C-alpha cells in the first residue's frame, strides 16, 4: 500500500495505521527474538534486522511529518528510539 499525493485524511489515516501496525509487529518480533539470536551467535543478523527496521520506521516518521500526521510521527519516533536503544545494547 502506498500513500498517494491526495489530501484525503481517511486515506492517510488508513495508510499510517497499517504502516504503524506492521512496524509495531516487526519491532515486537525483533524484541522477542533478540536474546535467542544473541545466544545463538547471530548478533550480526540481529543488528541488520534492527538497522532495516530503523530505516523503515524513520522513513515512515518523515512521511508522517511531511503529511502533518503528528501523532503517527510521534509514535514512529518512539519506535525509532526503542530500536536505537536496543541496537546500542549489542556488542560489536
C-alpha atoms as a PDB file:
ATOM      1  CA  UNK A   1       0.000   0.000   0.000  1.00  0.00           C
ATOM      2  CA  UNK A   2       1.263   3.444  -0.824  1.00  0.00           C
ATOM      3  CA  UNK A   3       0.165   6.885   0.150  1.00  0.00           C
ATOM      4  CA  UNK A   4      -0.936   8.866  -2.858  1.00  0.00           C
ATOM      5  CA  UNK A   5      -0.439  12.579  -3.191  1.00  0.00           C
ATOM      6  CA  UNK A   6      -4.096  13.206  -2.418  1.00  0.00           C
ATOM      7  CA  UNK A   7      -5.081  15.118   0.692  1.00  0.00           C
ATOM      8  CA  UNK A   8      -7.764  12.626   1.726  1.00  0.00           C
ATOM      9  CA  UNK A   9      -7.420  12.407   5.518  1.00  0.00           C
ATOM     10  CA  UNK A  10      -9.036   8.963   5.637  1.00  0.00           C
ATOM     11  CA  UNK A  11      -6.560   7.574   3.126  1.00  0.00           C
ATOM     12  CA  UNK A  12      -3.654   8.998   5.125  1.00  0.00           C
ATOM     13  CA  UNK A  13      -5.073   7.589   8.357  1.00  0.00           C
ATOM     14  CA  UNK A  14      -5.520   4.146   6.791  1.00  0.00           C
ATOM     15  CA  UNK A  15      -2.023   4.215   5.350  1.00  0.00           C
ATOM     16  CA  UNK A  16      -0.294   5.264   8.558  1.00  0.00           C
ATOM     17  CA  UNK A  17      -2.431   2.938  10.678  1.00  0.00           C
ATOM     18  CA  UNK A  18      -1.356  -0.009   8.554  1.00  0.00           C
ATOM     19  CA  UNK A  19       2.279   1.083   8.495  1.00  0.00           C
ATOM     20  CA  UNK A  20       2.342   1.578  12.256  1.00  0.00           C
ATOM     21  CA  UNK A  21       0.681  -1.766  12.891  1.00  0.00           C
ATOM     22  CA  UNK A  22       3.284  -3.521  10.747  1.00  0.00           C
ATOM     23  CA  UNK A  23       6.134  -1.583  12.347  1.00  0.00           C
ATOM     24  CA  UNK A  24       4.901  -2.401  15.835  1.00  0.00           C
ATOM     25  CA  UNK A  25       4.623  -6.102  14.987  1.00  0.00           C
ATOM     26  CA  UNK A  26       8.099  -6.085  13.447  1.00  0.00           C
ATOM     27  CA  UNK A  27       9.628  -4.384  16.467  1.00  0.00           C
ATOM     28  CA  UNK A  28       7.922  -6.782  18.864  1.00  0.00           C
ATOM     29  CA  UNK A  29       9.254  -9.726  16.847  1.00  0.00           C
ATOM     30  CA  UNK A  30      12.772  -8.270  16.994  1.00  0.00           C
ATOM     31  CA  UNK A  31      12.471  -7.729  20.747  1.00  0.00           C
ATOM     32  CA  UNK A  32      11.090 -11.227  21.307  1.00  0.00           C
ATOM     33  CA  UNK A  33      13.848 -12.892  19.306  1.00  0.00           C
ATOM     34  CA  UNK A  34      16.773 -10.671  20.328  1.00  0.00           C
ATOM     35  CA  UNK A  35      18.017 -12.755  23.252  1.00  0.00           C
ATOM     36  CA  UNK A  36      17.686 -16.010  21.307  1.00  0.00           C
ATOM     37  CA  UNK A  37      19.585 -14.633  18.333  1.00  0.00           C
ATOM     38  CA  UNK A  38      22.328 -13.283  20.581  1.00  0.00           C
ATOM     39  CA  UNK A  39      22.670 -16.575  22.471  1.00  0.00           C
ATOM     40  CA  UNK A  40      22.940 -18.448  19.194  1.00  0.00           C
ATOM     41  CA  UNK A  41      25.678 -16.111  17.987  1.00  0.00           C
ATOM     42  CA  UNK A  42      23.604 -14.248  15.425  1.00  0.00           C
ATOM     43  CA  UNK A  43      24.168 -10.748  16.797  1.00  0.00           C
ATOM     44  CA  UNK A  44      25.225  -9.502  13.337  1.00  0.00           C
ATOM     45  CA  UNK A  45      21.918 -10.703  11.901  1.00  0.00           C
ATOM     46  CA  UNK A  46      20.049  -9.071  14.768  1.00  0.00           C
ATOM     47  CA  UNK A  47      21.932  -5.826  14.167  1.00  0.00           C
ATOM     48  CA  UNK A  48      20.965  -5.996  10.484  1.00  0.00           C
ATOM     49  CA  UNK A  49      17.290  -6.572  11.361  1.00  0.00           C
ATOM     50  CA  UNK A  50      17.382  -3.558  13.671  1.00  0.00           C
ATOM     51  CA  UNK A  51      19.075  -1.406  11.015  1.00  0.00           C
ATOM     52  CA  UNK A  52      16.434  -2.353   8.450  1.00  0.00           C
ATOM     53  CA  UNK A  53      13.703  -1.608  10.950  1.00  0.00           C
ATOM     54  CA  UNK A  54      15.241   1.779  11.757  1.00  0.00           C
ATOM     55  CA  UNK A  55      15.372   2.704   8.075  1.00  0.00           C
ATOM     56  CA  UNK A  56      11.713   1.772   7.573  1.00  0.00           C
ATOM     57  CA  UNK A  57      10.447   3.465  10.728  1.00  0.00           C
ATOM     58  CA  UNK A  58      12.482   6.617  10.066  1.00  0.00           C
ATOM     59  CA  UNK A  59      11.079   6.868   6.527  1.00  0.00           C
ATOM     60  CA  UNK A  60       7.546   6.425   7.862  1.00  0.00           C
ATOM     61  CA  UNK A  61       8.134   9.069  10.552  1.00  0.00           C
ATOM     62  CA  UNK A  62       9.473  11.539   7.984  1.00  0.00           C
ATOM     63  CA  UNK A  63       6.483  10.938   5.708  1.00  0.00           C
ATOM     64  CA  UNK A  64       4.109  11.407   8.648  1.00  0.00           C
ATOM     65  CA  UNK A  65       5.802  14.726   9.420  1.00  0.00           C
ATOM     66  CA  UNK A  66       5.528  15.727   5.757  1.00  0.00           C
ATOM     67  CA  UNK A  67       1.808  14.855   5.709  1.00  0.00           C
ATOM     68  CA  UNK A  68       1.245  16.664   9.027  1.00  0.00           C
ATOM     69  CA  UNK A  69       0.276  13.464  10.826  1.00  0.00           C
ATOM     70  CA  UNK A  70       1.807  14.489  14.137  1.00  0.00           C
ATOM     71  CA  UNK A  71       0.530  11.578  16.232  1.00  0.00           C
ATOM     72  CA  UNK A  72       1.850   8.992  13.812  1.00  0.00           C
ATOM     73  CA  UNK A  73       5.151  10.874  13.562  1.00  0.00           C
ATOM     74  CA  UNK A  74       5.430  10.768  17.348  1.00  0.00           C
ATOM     75  CA  UNK A  75       4.569   7.060  17.519  1.00  0.00           C
ATOM     76  CA  UNK A  76       7.055   6.145  14.809  1.00  0.00           C
ATOM     77  CA  UNK A  77       9.605   8.291  16.631  1.00  0.00           C
ATOM     78  CA  UNK A  78       9.041   6.277  19.805  1.00  0.00           C
ATOM     79  CA  UNK A  79       9.657   3.041  17.892  1.00  0.00           C
ATOM     80  CA  UNK A  80      12.833   4.503  16.406  1.00  0.00           C
ATOM     81  CA  UNK A  81      14.060   5.434  19.886  1.00  0.00           C
ATOM     82  CA  UNK A  82      13.315   1.962  21.247  1.00  0.00           C
ATOM     83  CA  UNK A  83      15.043   0.252  18.330  1.00  0.00           C
ATOM     84  CA  UNK A  84      18.032   2.554  18.657  1.00  0.00           C
ATOM     85  CA  UNK A  85      18.257   1.731  22.377  1.00  0.00           C
ATOM     86  CA  UNK A  86      18.125  -1.980  21.571  1.00  0.00           C
ATOM     87  CA  UNK A  87      20.824  -1.543  18.925  1.00  0.00           C
ATOM     88  CA  UNK A  88      23.057   0.200  21.464  1.00  0.00           C
ATOM     89  CA  UNK A  89      22.939  -2.856  23.749  1.00  0.00           C
ATOM     90  CA  UNK A  90      24.548  -5.066  21.102  1.00  0.00           C
ATOM     91  CA  UNK A  91      28.256  -5.665  21.443  1.00  0.00           C
ATOM     92  CA  UNK A  92      30.239  -5.147  18.283  1.00  0.00           C
END
